[in-house]
Amino acid sequence: MPRALPPLEGGPTSKSPSISPSVVESTAGFSAGVVSCLTVHPLDLLKNRLQLNTQTRSRRGDSFRIFRDVVRHEGGVRALYRGLWPNMLGNSLGWGLYFLFYRNAKDLLQARKRTGEYLSSAEFFGAAIVAGMCAVLSMF
């Protein structure tokens, strides 16, 4: 099956420049952060409204009532996405950096192995922990 994108790793028959796997995975993480934020942001608004409601007890249908009231009285569907940009910036950068650090950590661990050897589950787990810590620390 032909590839729609240039190869990740250039070969002798490749006429197009290769794309670094770190760039590919960082872009994928950044894109995933944007898509997940766009998808889940209205639910985050709902969660905040439910948490701030200290006047009445929760009842069946509160979630739909809150969505309906926000859309009717606070500016339509656009009101569900109020405060989106800071949230999206943090999520997309966080996931992009996580995948960048994860790829680099896996590459460092793989470089220590002989040809044909694969990383163990513990090494994948360690790379994920290091990537998560690096992504969090780089956001400050």
Protein backbone atom coordinates (compact mmCIF):
# COMPACT_ATOMS: atom_id res chain seq x y z
CA MET A 1 0.00 0.00 0.00
CA PRO A 2 1.51 3.39 -0.93
CA ARG A 3 2.20 5.91 1.82
CA ALA A 4 0.53 9.29 1.74
CA LEU A 5 3.29 10.90 3.79
CA PRO A 6 7.06 11.01 3.32
CA PRO A 7 8.90 8.16 5.05
CA LEU A 8 9.76 8.64 8.71
CA GLU A 9 13.24 7.35 8.16
CA GLY A 10 15.01 8.12 4.92
CA GLY A 11 16.45 5.26 2.96
CA PRO A 12 18.69 4.98 -0.05
CA THR A 13 15.70 4.91 -2.40
CA SER A 14 13.94 7.81 -0.68
CA LYS A 15 13.87 10.98 -2.78
CA SER A 16 12.08 13.10 -0.19
CA PRO A 17 13.71 14.27 3.02
CA SER A 18 12.93 12.18 6.06
CA ILE A 19 10.78 13.48 8.90
CA SER A 20 12.15 13.04 12.39
CA PRO A 21 10.05 10.63 14.46
CA SER A 22 10.22 13.15 17.32
CA VAL A 23 8.58 15.79 15.12
CA VAL A 24 5.88 13.35 14.03
CA GLU A 25 5.08 12.27 17.59
CA SER A 26 5.20 15.84 18.95
CA THR A 27 2.79 16.96 16.24
CA ALA A 28 0.53 14.01 17.01
CA GLY A 29 0.55 14.88 20.72
CA PHE A 30 -0.13 18.55 20.03
CA SER A 31 -3.02 17.63 17.70
CA ALA A 32 -4.43 15.17 20.23
CA GLY A 33 -4.37 17.89 22.89
CA VAL A 34 -6.31 20.25 20.63
CA VAL A 35 -8.91 17.63 19.66
CA SER A 36 -9.41 16.38 23.21
CA CYS A 37 -9.76 19.91 24.53
CA LEU A 38 -12.34 20.82 21.89
CA THR A 39 -14.25 17.66 22.67
CA VAL A 40 -14.21 17.75 26.46
CA HIS A 41 -14.31 21.48 27.25
CA PRO A 42 -18.13 21.67 27.57
CA LEU A 43 -17.99 18.76 30.02
CA ASP A 44 -15.36 20.63 32.02
CA LEU A 45 -17.72 23.62 32.19
CA LEU A 46 -20.48 21.29 33.40
CA LYS A 47 -18.22 19.78 36.06
CA ASN A 48 -17.29 23.22 37.35
CA ARG A 49 -20.92 24.35 37.50
CA LEU A 50 -21.93 21.21 39.38
CA GLN A 51 -19.06 21.62 41.85
CA LEU A 52 -19.91 25.27 42.50
CA ASN A 53 -23.58 24.57 43.13
CA THR A 54 -23.81 24.70 46.94
CA GLN A 55 -27.36 26.08 47.11
CA THR A 56 -29.39 23.02 46.12
CA ARG A 57 -29.06 19.26 46.20
CA SER A 58 -28.21 17.52 42.96
CA ARG A 59 -31.20 16.08 41.12
CA ARG A 60 -31.73 13.98 38.08
CA GLY A 61 -31.36 16.03 34.90
CA ASP A 62 -29.11 18.75 36.38
CA SER A 63 -26.52 18.27 33.64
CA PHE A 64 -29.00 18.80 30.83
CA ARG A 65 -30.56 21.76 32.68
CA ILE A 66 -27.17 23.42 33.07
CA PHE A 67 -26.29 22.92 29.38
CA ARG A 68 -29.71 24.24 28.33
CA ASP A 69 -29.44 27.31 30.59
CA VAL A 70 -25.92 28.12 29.40
CA VAL A 71 -26.95 27.90 25.74
CA ARG A 72 -30.18 29.88 26.26
CA HIS A 73 -29.04 32.61 28.64
CA GLU A 74 -25.27 32.97 28.29
CA GLY A 75 -24.61 33.32 24.58
CA GLY A 76 -25.56 30.17 22.72
CA VAL A 77 -23.28 27.26 21.95
CA ARG A 78 -20.28 29.61 22.02
CA ALA A 79 -20.81 29.99 25.77
CA LEU A 80 -19.97 26.31 26.23
CA TYR A 81 -16.46 27.13 25.00
CA ARG A 82 -15.79 30.21 27.14
CA GLY A 83 -12.23 30.00 28.49
CA LEU A 84 -11.18 27.52 25.84
CA TRP A 85 -7.89 29.12 24.71
CA PRO A 86 -5.88 28.86 27.96
CA ASN A 87 -7.12 25.32 28.44
CA MET A 88 -6.27 24.36 24.85
CA LEU A 89 -2.85 25.96 25.01
CA GLY A 90 -1.96 24.06 28.16
CA ASN A 91 -3.31 20.73 26.92
CA SER A 92 -1.80 20.87 23.45
CA LEU A 93 1.62 22.00 24.62
CA GLY A 94 1.59 19.50 27.47
CA TRP A 95 0.77 16.54 25.23
CA GLY A 96 3.15 17.70 22.50
CA LEU A 97 6.01 17.95 24.98
CA TYR A 98 5.09 14.64 26.59
CA PHE A 99 5.31 12.75 23.30
CA LEU A 100 8.55 14.54 22.38
CA PHE A 101 10.18 13.54 25.67
CA TYR A 102 8.70 10.03 25.50
CA ARG A 103 10.17 9.42 22.06
CA ASN A 104 13.56 10.78 23.09
CA ALA A 105 13.61 8.70 26.29
CA LYS A 106 12.77 5.54 24.31
CA ASP A 107 15.50 6.37 21.78
CA LEU A 108 18.05 6.82 24.58
CA LEU A 109 17.11 3.49 26.14
CA GLN A 110 17.13 1.73 22.76
CA ALA A 111 20.60 3.11 21.97
CA ARG A 112 21.93 1.14 24.95
CA LYS A 113 20.61 -2.13 23.48
CA ARG A 114 22.21 -4.37 20.91
CA THR A 115 20.78 -4.58 17.41
CA GLY A 116 17.59 -6.63 17.40
CA GLU A 117 16.90 -6.22 21.12
CA TYR A 118 13.66 -4.57 22.17
CA LEU A 119 12.76 -2.47 25.17
CA SER A 120 11.13 -4.25 28.09
CA SER A 121 7.83 -3.24 29.65
CA ALA A 122 9.71 -1.73 32.58
CA GLU A 123 11.78 0.42 30.20
CA PHE A 124 8.64 1.66 28.40
CA PHE A 125 7.13 2.45 31.80
CA GLY A 126 10.28 4.27 32.90
CA ALA A 127 10.34 6.28 29.67
CA ALA A 128 6.69 7.27 30.26
CA ILE A 129 7.44 8.39 33.82
CA VAL A 130 10.45 10.44 32.73
CA ALA A 131 8.50 11.98 29.85
CA GLY A 132 5.62 12.93 32.14
CA MET A 133 7.94 14.54 34.67
CA CYS A 134 9.85 16.43 31.98
CA ALA A 135 6.62 17.66 30.34
CA VAL A 136 5.25 18.90 33.66
CA LEU A 137 8.51 20.60 34.63
CA SER A 138 8.88 22.24 31.22
CA MET A 139 5.44 23.85 31.55
CA PHE A 140 6.61 25.94 34.53
